[in-house]
Protein backbone atom coordinates (compact mmCIF):
# COMPACT_ATOMS: atom_id res chain seq x y z
CA MET A 1 6.81 11.89 12.79
CA GLY A 2 8.59 9.65 10.24
CA ASP A 3 8.99 9.70 6.46
CA ILE A 4 6.11 9.05 4.19
CA VAL A 5 6.21 6.14 1.79
CA TYR A 6 4.13 5.74 -1.42
CA ILE A 7 3.65 2.10 -2.47
CA ASP A 8 2.26 1.37 -5.96
CA VAL A 9 0.50 -1.96 -6.20
CA ALA A 10 0.02 -3.78 -9.43
CA LEU A 11 -1.60 -7.09 -10.10
CA THR A 12 0.62 -8.81 -12.57
CA GLY A 13 0.65 -12.13 -14.43
CA GLU A 14 3.49 -14.61 -14.63
CA ASN A 15 4.86 -12.54 -17.55
CA GLY A 16 5.10 -9.42 -15.30
CA VAL A 17 2.46 -7.50 -17.30
CA VAL A 18 -0.25 -5.66 -15.27
CA GLU A 19 -3.59 -7.55 -15.44
CA CYS A 20 -5.82 -4.59 -16.36
CA ALA A 21 -8.87 -6.75 -16.67
CA VAL A 22 -8.45 -8.17 -13.11
CA ASP A 23 -9.61 -6.33 -9.99
CA LYS A 24 -9.36 -7.80 -6.54
CA LYS A 25 -10.29 -6.62 -3.02
CA LEU A 26 -6.92 -6.04 -1.38
CA THR A 27 -5.93 -5.66 2.23
CA VAL A 28 -2.83 -3.71 3.36
CA THR A 29 -1.18 -3.88 6.77
CA VAL A 30 1.71 -1.76 8.11
CA GLU A 31 4.18 -2.76 10.82
CA GLY A 32 6.51 -0.10 12.23
CA GLY A 33 4.34 2.65 10.99
CA GLN A 34 0.90 3.95 10.21
CA LEU A 35 -1.34 3.50 7.15
CA LEU A 36 -2.40 7.00 6.02
CA ALA A 37 -4.46 5.89 2.92
CA PHE A 38 -5.05 2.96 0.65
CA GLY A 39 -7.10 3.14 -2.55
CA SER A 40 -7.29 3.17 -6.28
CA ALA A 41 -8.02 5.64 -9.03
CA ASN A 42 -11.55 4.42 -9.30
CA PRO A 43 -13.68 7.63 -9.58
CA ARG A 44 -16.86 5.82 -8.59
CA THR A 45 -15.94 3.83 -5.50
CA GLU A 46 -17.66 4.19 -2.16
CA GLU A 47 -14.81 2.35 -0.35
CA SER A 48 -13.02 4.21 2.45
CA TYR A 49 -9.44 5.30 1.85
CA THR A 50 -8.54 4.78 5.53
CA ALA A 51 -9.90 1.25 6.13
CA GLY A 52 -6.97 -0.70 4.78
CA ILE A 53 -9.22 -2.59 2.38
CA HIS A 54 -9.79 -1.45 -1.16
CA THR A 55 -10.55 -2.92 -4.59
CA SER A 56 -7.90 -2.34 -7.30
CA TYR A 57 -8.83 -0.47 -10.44
CA TYR A 58 -7.56 -1.72 -13.79
CA GLY A 59 -5.22 -3.91 -11.71
CA ARG A 60 -3.66 -1.10 -9.71
CA ALA A 61 -3.90 0.47 -6.26
CA GLN A 62 -1.71 2.66 -4.03
CA ALA A 63 -0.95 2.72 -0.37
CA ILE A 64 0.52 5.64 1.62
CA ALA A 65 2.18 5.01 4.95
CA ARG A 66 4.23 6.89 7.54
CA GLY A 67 7.01 5.36 9.60
CA ASN A 68 6.98 5.71 13.35
CA GLN A 69 10.73 6.22 13.53
CA ALA A 70 13.97 5.52 11.70
CA GLY A 71 14.38 1.89 10.71
CA VAL A 72 12.34 -0.56 8.73
CA ILE A 73 8.59 -0.33 7.97
CA GLN A 74 7.01 -3.44 6.63
CA ILE A 75 4.03 -3.15 4.29
CA THR A 76 2.03 -6.21 3.33
CA VAL A 77 -0.60 -6.40 0.62
CA SER A 78 -2.85 -9.43 0.32
CA ALA A 79 -6.01 -10.72 -1.37
CA LYS A 80 -8.30 -13.63 -0.43
CA LYS A 81 -8.24 -15.34 -3.77
CA ALA A 82 -5.67 -16.10 -6.43
CA LEU A 83 -2.83 -13.85 -5.18
CA PRO A 84 0.01 -14.57 -2.83
CA SER A 85 0.57 -12.12 -0.01
CA ILE A 86 3.25 -9.56 -0.99
CA SER A 87 5.42 -7.91 1.66
CA HIS A 88 8.05 -5.22 1.27
CA ASN A 89 10.35 -3.62 3.79
CA TYR A 90 11.30 0.05 3.40
CA LEU A 91 14.24 1.59 5.24
CA LEU A 92 13.32 4.94 6.62
CA HIS A 93 15.74 7.65 7.78
CA TRP A 94 14.57 9.68 10.75
CA ARG A 95 14.80 13.41 10.10
CA GLN A 96 14.61 15.68 13.15
CA GLN A 97 12.93 18.92 12.48
CA HIS A 98 14.59 21.97 13.95
CA GLY A 99 12.55 24.06 16.44
CA THR A 100 10.07 21.25 17.28
């Protein structure tokens, strides 16, 4: 098993400030790894944390992914309207566990 990566997602305006009054249905995809969870801090949502689709809450969400092996894991977050697709690459270092 690879390392775990936590990705904070924030919907920001042109000025770089989080748009707290804007919530969007977001989709996350992972290449080179596995999505473990994707969600927001909304205490009243009925959305699944494992579906890869979740609505932001006060402009924020978080994805958790695990890399398959050492190397690069690519995580892409997108929305259908008014947001460009955002993609980040994360370099993961493979750690071999002793005795396994």
